[in-house]
N, C-alpha and C. Protein backbone atom coordinates (compact mmCIF):
# COMPACT_ATOMS: atom_id res chain seq x y z
N MET A 1 -33.37 12.28 -0.25
CA MET A 1 -32.00 12.46 0.10
C MET A 1 -32.02 11.17 -1.58
N ASN A 2 -31.17 11.77 -2.40
CA ASN A 2 -30.90 10.93 -3.58
C ASN A 2 -30.06 9.95 -3.23
N ARG A 3 -29.97 8.37 -4.09
CA ARG A 3 -29.19 7.59 -3.96
C ARG A 3 -27.56 7.62 -3.68
N ARG A 4 -27.30 8.66 -4.33
CA ARG A 4 -25.71 9.20 -4.25
C ARG A 4 -25.50 9.65 -2.83
N ASN A 5 -26.43 9.91 -2.13
CA ASN A 5 -25.37 10.81 -0.71
C ASN A 5 -25.84 9.44 0.27
N ILE A 6 -26.70 8.75 0.14
CA ILE A 6 -27.14 7.45 1.25
C ILE A 6 -25.28 6.77 1.54
N ILE A 7 -25.51 6.08 -0.44
CA ILE A 7 -24.08 4.95 -0.67
C ILE A 7 -22.85 6.23 0.04
N ILE A 8 -22.18 7.76 -0.16
CA ILE A 8 -21.48 8.64 0.59
C ILE A 8 -21.59 8.91 1.57
N GLY A 9 -22.80 8.24 1.99
CA GLY A 9 -23.33 8.46 4.52
C GLY A 9 -22.54 7.59 4.52
N ILE A 10 -23.00 6.35 3.86
CA ILE A 10 -22.77 4.82 4.44
C ILE A 10 -21.05 4.49 4.47
N LEU A 11 -20.24 5.09 2.72
CA LEU A 11 -19.19 4.64 3.32
C LEU A 11 -18.31 5.84 4.35
N ILE A 12 -18.59 6.80 4.45
CA ILE A 12 -18.40 8.34 5.65
C ILE A 12 -18.44 7.22 7.41
N GLY A 13 -19.30 6.96 7.23
CA GLY A 13 -19.33 5.93 8.19
C GLY A 13 -18.75 4.82 8.52
N ILE A 14 -18.80 3.94 7.65
CA ILE A 14 -17.89 3.00 7.62
C ILE A 14 -16.04 3.47 8.00
N THR A 15 -15.62 4.30 6.85
CA THR A 15 -14.76 4.53 7.56
C THR A 15 -14.05 5.55 8.54
N ILE A 16 -15.49 6.20 9.44
CA ILE A 16 -14.90 6.77 10.44
C ILE A 16 -14.98 5.67 11.69
N GLY A 17 -15.98 4.32 11.55
CA GLY A 17 -16.45 3.55 12.16
C GLY A 17 -14.94 2.64 12.65
N PHE A 18 -13.90 2.25 11.05
CA PHE A 18 -12.57 1.79 11.35
C PHE A 18 -11.75 1.92 11.65
N VAL A 19 -11.96 3.47 11.45
CA VAL A 19 -10.37 5.14 12.34
C VAL A 19 -10.66 4.68 13.77
N ASP A 20 -11.78 4.98 14.01
CA ASP A 20 -12.25 4.31 15.72
C ASP A 20 -12.05 3.70 16.35
N SER A 21 -12.58 2.21 15.26
CA SER A 21 -11.85 1.23 15.81
C SER A 21 -10.54 0.96 16.57
N LEU A 22 -9.88 1.42 15.41
CA LEU A 22 -8.01 1.65 15.44
C LEU A 22 -6.84 1.47 16.48
N PHE A 23 -8.44 3.25 16.89
CA PHE A 23 -7.71 4.05 17.73
C PHE A 23 -8.48 3.71 19.07
N PHE A 24 -9.13 2.97 19.13
CA PHE A 24 -9.93 3.17 20.56
C PHE A 24 -10.11 1.38 21.04
N GLU A 25 -10.77 0.86 19.98
CA GLU A 25 -11.29 -0.44 20.75
C GLU A 25 -10.65 -1.20 21.13
N TYR A 26 -9.26 -1.10 20.43
CA TYR A 26 -8.03 -2.18 19.64
C TYR A 26 -6.94 -1.39 20.75
N GLU A 27 -6.01 -1.68 21.59
CA GLU A 27 -4.84 -1.03 22.28
C GLU A 27 -3.94 -0.62 20.50
N PHE A 28 -4.48 0.73 19.98
CA PHE A 28 -3.59 0.69 19.04
C PHE A 28 -2.58 1.20 19.50
N LYS A 29 -0.97 1.19 18.83
CA LYS A 29 -0.06 1.32 18.98
C LYS A 29 0.79 2.70 18.04
N LEU A 30 1.07 3.25 18.01
CA LEU A 30 1.39 4.52 16.51
C LEU A 30 3.28 3.43 16.29
N TYR A 31 3.21 2.98 17.85
CA TYR A 31 5.11 2.66 16.76
C TYR A 31 5.10 1.33 15.89
N TYR A 32 3.70 0.69 16.22
CA TYR A 32 3.22 -0.32 15.04
C TYR A 32 3.01 0.21 13.59
N LEU A 33 3.28 1.08 13.20
CA LEU A 33 3.35 1.73 12.66
C LEU A 33 4.51 2.07 11.50
N ILE A 34 5.42 2.91 12.41
CA ILE A 34 6.66 2.70 12.26
C ILE A 34 7.57 1.71 11.01
N PRO A 35 7.44 0.84 11.63
CA PRO A 35 8.46 -0.60 11.07
C PRO A 35 7.47 -0.82 9.55
N LEU A 36 6.20 -0.84 9.54
CA LEU A 36 5.52 -1.02 8.62
C LEU A 36 6.01 0.15 7.34
N THR A 37 5.77 1.18 7.89
CA THR A 37 5.32 2.03 6.96
C THR A 37 7.16 2.19 6.34
N LEU A 38 8.04 2.14 6.92
CA LEU A 38 9.33 1.94 6.21
C LEU A 38 9.48 1.00 5.82
N PHE A 39 8.85 -0.01 5.94
CA PHE A 39 9.25 -1.60 5.21
C PHE A 39 8.64 -1.30 3.10
N PHE A 40 7.68 -0.17 3.93
CA PHE A 40 6.41 0.66 2.44
C PHE A 40 7.13 1.25 1.70
N ILE A 41 8.11 2.09 2.18
CA ILE A 41 8.85 2.93 1.95
C ILE A 41 9.96 2.58 1.03
N PHE A 42 10.87 1.25 1.93
CA PHE A 42 11.49 0.50 1.23
C PHE A 42 11.39 -0.44 0.04
N VAL A 43 9.95 -0.92 -0.36
CA VAL A 43 9.54 -1.59 -0.90
C VAL A 43 9.23 -1.11 -2.11
N TYR A 44 8.87 0.72 -2.01
CA TYR A 44 8.52 1.90 -3.19
C TYR A 44 9.24 1.78 -4.30
N THR A 45 10.48 2.43 -3.10
CA THR A 45 11.82 2.40 -3.71
C THR A 45 12.58 1.25 -4.62
N ILE A 46 12.38 0.01 -4.38
CA ILE A 46 13.44 -0.77 -5.35
C ILE A 46 12.44 -0.92 -5.91
N ASN A 47 10.62 -1.17 -5.97
CA ASN A 47 9.86 -0.86 -7.23
C ASN A 47 10.22 -0.24 -8.29
N ILE A 48 10.86 1.16 -7.85
CA ILE A 48 10.62 2.77 -8.92
C ILE A 48 12.16 2.44 -9.40
N PHE A 49 13.07 1.69 -8.86
CA PHE A 49 14.83 1.20 -9.77
C PHE A 49 14.06 0.37 -10.73
N ILE A 50 13.83 -1.15 -9.93
CA ILE A 50 12.87 -2.27 -10.83
C ILE A 50 12.47 -1.16 -12.38
N HIS A 51 11.70 -0.73 -12.07
CA HIS A 51 10.70 -0.10 -13.32
C HIS A 51 12.02 0.47 -14.03
N GLU A 52 12.43 1.45 -13.13
CA GLU A 52 13.16 1.96 -14.44
C GLU A 52 14.64 1.27 -14.49
N ILE A 53 15.38 0.34 -14.58
CA ILE A 53 16.38 -0.26 -14.88
C ILE A 53 15.23 -1.40 -16.85
N GLY A 54 13.76 -1.37 -15.79
CA GLY A 54 13.23 -2.03 -17.46
C GLY A 54 12.91 -1.03 -18.61
N HIS A 55 13.04 0.52 -18.31
CA HIS A 55 13.13 1.37 -19.37
C HIS A 55 14.76 1.56 -20.09
N MET A 56 15.64 1.02 -19.08
CA MET A 56 16.95 1.11 -19.41
C MET A 56 17.12 -0.35 -20.38
N PHE A 57 16.57 -1.30 -19.97
CA PHE A 57 16.80 -2.58 -20.56
C PHE A 57 16.38 -2.61 -22.47
N PHE A 58 14.68 -1.85 -22.19
CA PHE A 58 14.04 -2.22 -23.58
C PHE A 58 15.10 -0.92 -24.42
N GLY A 59 15.66 0.64 -23.77
CA GLY A 59 15.57 1.15 -24.52
C GLY A 59 17.20 0.68 -25.05
N LYS A 60 18.13 -0.13 -24.67
CA LYS A 60 19.10 -1.22 -24.90
C LYS A 60 18.37 -2.12 -26.19
N LEU A 61 17.88 -2.31 -26.17
CA LEU A 61 16.84 -3.70 -27.18
C LEU A 61 17.07 -2.61 -28.63
N VAL A 62 16.46 -1.37 -28.13
CA VAL A 62 15.80 -1.04 -29.79
C VAL A 62 16.86 0.25 -29.74
N LYS A 63 17.99 0.40 -29.41
CA LYS A 63 19.24 0.58 -29.57
C LYS A 63 19.48 2.05 -29.19
N ILE A 64 18.81 2.85 -28.34
CA ILE A 64 19.00 4.02 -27.46
C ILE A 64 20.45 4.08 -26.37
N ASN A 65 21.08 4.93 -26.97
CA ASN A 65 22.69 4.40 -25.44
C ASN A 65 21.82 5.27 -24.67
N THR A 66 21.95 3.95 -23.15
CA THR A 66 21.35 4.38 -21.96
C THR A 66 22.26 4.73 -20.92
N TRP A 67 23.14 4.94 -20.50
CA TRP A 67 24.59 4.99 -19.23
C TRP A 67 24.12 5.44 -18.24
N LYS A 68 22.95 5.38 -17.79
CA LYS A 68 22.69 5.68 -15.74
C LYS A 68 21.24 5.97 -16.03
N ILE A 69 20.81 6.06 -14.73
CA ILE A 69 19.46 6.09 -14.64
C ILE A 69 19.21 7.07 -13.61
N ARG A 70 18.05 7.96 -14.32
CA ARG A 70 17.81 9.44 -13.17
C ARG A 70 16.26 9.54 -13.23
N ILE A 71 16.02 9.56 -11.69
CA ILE A 71 14.80 9.82 -11.29
C ILE A 71 14.58 11.24 -10.88
N CYS A 72 13.90 11.53 -11.21
CA CYS A 72 13.77 13.43 -10.83
C CYS A 72 12.25 13.83 -10.69
N LYS A 73 12.53 14.81 -10.47
CA LYS A 73 10.75 15.10 -9.03
C LYS A 73 9.39 15.19 -11.05
N TRP A 74 8.57 15.29 -10.26
CA TRP A 74 7.60 15.21 -10.91
C TRP A 74 7.77 17.03 -11.81
N GLY A 75 7.61 17.13 -12.59
CA GLY A 75 8.07 18.25 -14.25
C GLY A 75 8.96 18.90 -14.15
N HIS A 76 10.07 17.77 -14.22
CA HIS A 76 11.41 18.28 -14.59
C HIS A 76 12.39 16.95 -14.67
N VAL A 77 12.95 17.44 -15.96
CA VAL A 77 13.46 16.46 -16.79
C VAL A 77 14.94 16.65 -16.87
């Protein structure tokens, strides 16, 4: 085995051990993840909004007429 395969094997083992400890060693409850997931979705949405406000602000600084923020799907303008 070369060094790369050993490192990949160690990383996979650590990942499996971590997931195993979440689900079996501790009393892991799925409902703990629901508020955390909703919180991160909310924070991510606020982050996107603030990012787009930054584009609008600096567009106004260089005299680009901007009136609305539009957040599109990937690849669509």
